[in-house]
Amino acid sequence: MAGDGQGDQAAEEEPNLYLVTLQQCRDSLIPGARDAVYAGQGDPGSSIAGAVNGGGWECTSAGEWVTELLEHTRTVLPAFDDAIRDVGAAISAERAAHGGKDTVPKDHPHGLAWSRSWHNIQRMNQY
């Protein structure tokens, strides 16, 4: 109906594309990166450690090096889970900042302007 204010309000809001980006990170980008590192092998350092330990190396430092390597690589997979949790928290904060809605006020930096900014960032990373 004309004059009911709903059409005016809808015209004053636009999709929150920043929120969409965060959701894509949580749902596909971070899990995809984790899966690429994981590749079904567990700790990404395990295959290297196994090759060094079982490869017949005649090196007194190999055991120490493998231990140090595994101390570092053991934290890789949990870091992906931490990233997913952090992005989830950012999603919650973004929704809360906009009254639980998936929209933002017209001309908000997280609205339609975000798409152009994100596209430019992605394009710059290709070069």
C-alpha atoms as a PDB file:
ATOM      1  CA  MET A   1       0.000   0.000   0.000  1.00  0.00           C
ATOM      2  CA  ALA A   2       1.159   3.462  -0.775  1.00  0.00           C
ATOM      3  CA  GLY A   3       1.912   5.482   2.310  1.00  0.00           C
ATOM      4  CA  ASP A   4       2.284   2.527   4.691  1.00  0.00           C
ATOM      5  CA  GLY A   5       6.005   3.249   5.089  1.00  0.00           C
ATOM      6  CA  GLN A   6       7.173  -0.297   4.342  1.00  0.00           C
ATOM      7  CA  GLY A   7       8.262   0.470   0.795  1.00  0.00           C
ATOM      8  CA  ASP A   8      10.123   3.538   2.017  1.00  0.00           C
ATOM      9  CA  GLN A   9      11.909   1.509   4.698  1.00  0.00           C
ATOM     10  CA  ALA A  10      12.911  -1.218   2.228  1.00  0.00           C
ATOM     11  CA  ALA A  11      14.335   1.423  -0.096  1.00  0.00           C
ATOM     12  CA  GLU A  12      16.402   2.756   2.808  1.00  0.00           C
ATOM     13  CA  GLU A  13      18.121  -0.606   3.387  1.00  0.00           C
ATOM     14  CA  GLU A  14      20.359  -2.820   1.314  1.00  0.00           C
ATOM     15  CA  PRO A  15      21.847  -6.295   1.729  1.00  0.00           C
ATOM     16  CA  ASN A  16      24.716  -6.621   4.199  1.00  0.00           C
ATOM     17  CA  LEU A  17      27.349  -7.966   1.810  1.00  0.00           C
ATOM     18  CA  TYR A  18      30.022  -7.856   4.512  1.00  0.00           C
ATOM     19  CA  LEU A  19      27.901 -10.347   6.443  1.00  0.00           C
ATOM     20  CA  VAL A  20      27.612 -12.503   3.312  1.00  0.00           C
ATOM     21  CA  THR A  21      31.420 -12.450   2.990  1.00  0.00           C
ATOM     22  CA  LEU A  22      31.845 -13.523   6.615  1.00  0.00           C
ATOM     23  CA  GLN A  23      29.367 -16.357   6.116  1.00  0.00           C
ATOM     24  CA  GLN A  24      31.231 -17.546   3.010  1.00  0.00           C
ATOM     25  CA  CYS A  25      34.483 -17.522   4.979  1.00  0.00           C
ATOM     26  CA  ARG A  26      32.931 -19.563   7.785  1.00  0.00           C
ATOM     27  CA  ASP A  27      31.048 -22.004   5.578  1.00  0.00           C
ATOM     28  CA  SER A  28      33.391 -22.631   2.648  1.00  0.00           C
ATOM     29  CA  LEU A  29      36.660 -20.693   2.449  1.00  0.00           C
ATOM     30  CA  ILE A  30      38.153 -21.643   5.821  1.00  0.00           C
ATOM     31  CA  PRO A  31      36.891 -25.258   5.739  1.00  0.00           C
ATOM     32  CA  GLY A  32      38.213 -25.570   2.160  1.00  0.00           C
ATOM     33  CA  ALA A  33      41.643 -24.324   3.212  1.00  0.00           C
ATOM     34  CA  ARG A  34      41.621 -26.662   6.221  1.00  0.00           C
ATOM     35  CA  ASP A  35      40.723 -29.592   3.974  1.00  0.00           C
ATOM     36  CA  ALA A  36      43.524 -28.697   1.556  1.00  0.00           C
ATOM     37  CA  VAL A  37      46.065 -28.713   4.393  1.00  0.00           C
ATOM     38  CA  TYR A  38      44.581 -31.749   6.103  1.00  0.00           C
ATOM     39  CA  ALA A  39      44.249 -33.899   2.959  1.00  0.00           C
ATOM     40  CA  GLY A  40      43.201 -36.790   5.182  1.00  0.00           C
ATOM     41  CA  GLN A  41      46.620 -37.129   6.799  1.00  0.00           C
ATOM     42  CA  GLY A  42      46.013 -35.632  10.240  1.00  0.00           C
ATOM     43  CA  ASP A  43      48.760 -33.321  11.432  1.00  0.00           C
ATOM     44  CA  PRO A  44      50.331 -31.854   8.276  1.00  0.00           C
ATOM     45  CA  GLY A  45      53.799 -32.489   9.732  1.00  0.00           C
ATOM     46  CA  SER A  46      53.190 -36.207  10.308  1.00  0.00           C
ATOM     47  CA  SER A  47      54.129 -37.348   6.823  1.00  0.00           C
ATOM     48  CA  ILE A  48      57.331 -35.304   6.924  1.00  0.00           C
ATOM     49  CA  ALA A  49      58.160 -36.583  10.397  1.00  0.00           C
ATOM     50  CA  GLY A  50      57.503 -40.163   9.325  1.00  0.00           C
ATOM     51  CA  ALA A  51      59.775 -39.806   6.315  1.00  0.00           C
ATOM     52  CA  VAL A  52      62.582 -38.300   8.392  1.00  0.00           C
ATOM     53  CA  ASN A  53      62.268 -40.796  11.242  1.00  0.00           C
ATOM     54  CA  GLY A  54      61.771 -43.829   9.020  1.00  0.00           C
ATOM     55  CA  GLY A  55      63.982 -42.756   6.144  1.00  0.00           C
ATOM     56  CA  GLY A  56      67.237 -44.086   7.504  1.00  0.00           C
ATOM     57  CA  TRP A  57      68.756 -40.691   8.081  1.00  0.00           C
ATOM     58  CA  GLU A  58      72.091 -40.836   9.855  1.00  0.00           C
ATOM     59  CA  CYS A  59      71.644 -37.565  11.707  1.00  0.00           C
ATOM     60  CA  THR A  60      71.746 -37.117  15.452  1.00  0.00           C
ATOM     61  CA  SER A  61      69.638 -33.951  15.204  1.00  0.00           C
ATOM     62  CA  ALA A  62      66.826 -35.495  13.143  1.00  0.00           C
ATOM     63  CA  GLY A  63      64.825 -36.590  16.190  1.00  0.00           C
ATOM     64  CA  GLU A  64      65.033 -33.148  17.759  1.00  0.00           C
ATOM     65  CA  TRP A  65      64.126 -31.505  14.447  1.00  0.00           C
ATOM     66  CA  VAL A  66      61.083 -33.776  14.034  1.00  0.00           C
ATOM     67  CA  THR A  67      59.931 -33.025  17.578  1.00  0.00           C
ATOM     68  CA  GLU A  68      60.220 -29.284  16.955  1.00  0.00           C
ATOM     69  CA  LEU A  69      58.462 -29.581  13.587  1.00  0.00           C
ATOM     70  CA  LEU A  70      55.531 -31.429  15.138  1.00  0.00           C
ATOM     71  CA  GLU A  71      55.266 -28.851  17.938  1.00  0.00           C
ATOM     72  CA  HIS A  72      54.644 -26.242  15.247  1.00  0.00           C
ATOM     73  CA  THR A  73      52.467 -28.204  12.839  1.00  0.00           C
ATOM     74  CA  ARG A  74      50.290 -29.629  15.611  1.00  0.00           C
ATOM     75  CA  THR A  75      48.743 -26.160  15.947  1.00  0.00           C
ATOM     76  CA  VAL A  76      47.813 -25.766  12.267  1.00  0.00           C
ATOM     77  CA  LEU A  77      44.522 -27.674  12.194  1.00  0.00           C
ATOM     78  CA  PRO A  78      43.213 -26.257  15.480  1.00  0.00           C
ATOM     79  CA  ALA A  79      43.965 -22.778  14.098  1.00  0.00           C
ATOM     80  CA  PHE A  80      41.376 -23.368  11.359  1.00  0.00           C
ATOM     81  CA  ASP A  81      38.790 -24.281  13.986  1.00  0.00           C
ATOM     82  CA  ASP A  82      39.722 -21.129  15.908  1.00  0.00           C
ATOM     83  CA  ALA A  83      39.305 -19.076  12.716  1.00  0.00           C
ATOM     84  CA  ILE A  84      35.840 -20.543  12.105  1.00  0.00           C
ATOM     85  CA  ARG A  85      34.873 -19.728  15.694  1.00  0.00           C
ATOM     86  CA  ASP A  86      36.257 -16.160  15.384  1.00  0.00           C
ATOM     87  CA  VAL A  87      34.386 -15.565  12.130  1.00  0.00           C
ATOM     88  CA  GLY A  88      31.222 -16.927  13.771  1.00  0.00           C
ATOM     89  CA  ALA A  89      31.672 -14.372  16.548  1.00  0.00           C
ATOM     90  CA  ALA A  90      32.144 -11.615  13.950  1.00  0.00           C
ATOM     91  CA  ILE A  91      28.916 -12.715  12.252  1.00  0.00           C
ATOM     92  CA  SER A  92      27.050 -12.509  15.548  1.00  0.00           C
ATOM     93  CA  ALA A  93      28.520  -9.072  16.275  1.00  0.00           C
ATOM     94  CA  GLU A  94      27.646  -7.803  12.784  1.00  0.00           C
ATOM     95  CA  ARG A  95      24.052  -8.992  13.123  1.00  0.00           C
ATOM     96  CA  ALA A  96      23.778  -7.481  16.600  1.00  0.00           C
ATOM     97  CA  ALA A  97      25.122  -4.170  15.305  1.00  0.00           C
ATOM     98  CA  HIS A  98      22.218  -4.055  12.850  1.00  0.00           C
ATOM     99  CA  GLY A  99      19.398  -5.216  15.089  1.00  0.00           C
ATOM    100  CA  GLY A 100      19.647  -8.877  14.073  1.00  0.00           C
ATOM    101  CA  LYS A 101      18.945  -8.052  10.437  1.00  0.00           C
ATOM    102  CA  ASP A 102      20.854  -9.157   7.348  1.00  0.00           C
ATOM    103  CA  THR A 103      20.482  -5.666   5.903  1.00  0.00           C
ATOM    104  CA  VAL A 104      22.210  -2.359   6.548  1.00  0.00           C
ATOM    105  CA  PRO A 105      21.120   1.233   5.984  1.00  0.00           C
ATOM    106  CA  LYS A 106      21.387   2.496   2.417  1.00  0.00           C
ATOM    107  CA  ASP A 107      24.954   3.566   1.498  1.00  0.00           C
ATOM    108  CA  HIS A 108      26.478   1.780   4.518  1.00  0.00           C
ATOM    109  CA  PRO A 109      30.058   0.551   3.859  1.00  0.00           C
ATOM    110  CA  HIS A 110      28.949  -3.036   4.580  1.00  0.00           C
ATOM    111  CA  GLY A 111      26.134  -2.827   2.041  1.00  0.00           C
ATOM    112  CA  LEU A 112      26.432  -2.583  -1.715  1.00  0.00           C
ATOM    113  CA  ALA A 113      29.706  -0.658  -1.368  1.00  0.00           C
ATOM    114  CA  TRP A 114      31.266  -3.747   0.249  1.00  0.00           C
ATOM    115  CA  SER A 115      30.822  -5.759  -2.927  1.00  0.00           C
ATOM    116  CA  ARG A 116      32.819  -3.253  -4.931  1.00  0.00           C
ATOM    117  CA  SER A 117      35.520  -3.069  -2.261  1.00  0.00           C
ATOM    118  CA  TRP A 118      35.788  -6.856  -1.929  1.00  0.00           C
ATOM    119  CA  HIS A 119      35.867  -7.276  -5.701  1.00  0.00           C
ATOM    120  CA  ASN A 120      38.731  -4.769  -5.929  1.00  0.00           C
ATOM    121  CA  ILE A 121      40.658  -6.555  -3.166  1.00  0.00           C
ATOM    122  CA  GLN A 122      40.238  -9.909  -4.900  1.00  0.00           C
ATOM    123  CA  ARG A 123      41.287  -8.417  -8.235  1.00  0.00           C
ATOM    124  CA  MET A 124      44.400  -6.842  -6.703  1.00  0.00           C
ATOM    125  CA  ASN A 125      45.404 -10.190  -5.180  1.00  0.00           C
ATOM    126  CA  GLN A 126      45.367 -11.811  -8.619  1.00  0.00           C
ATOM    127  CA  TYR A 127      48.318  -9.738  -9.820  1.00  0.00           C
END
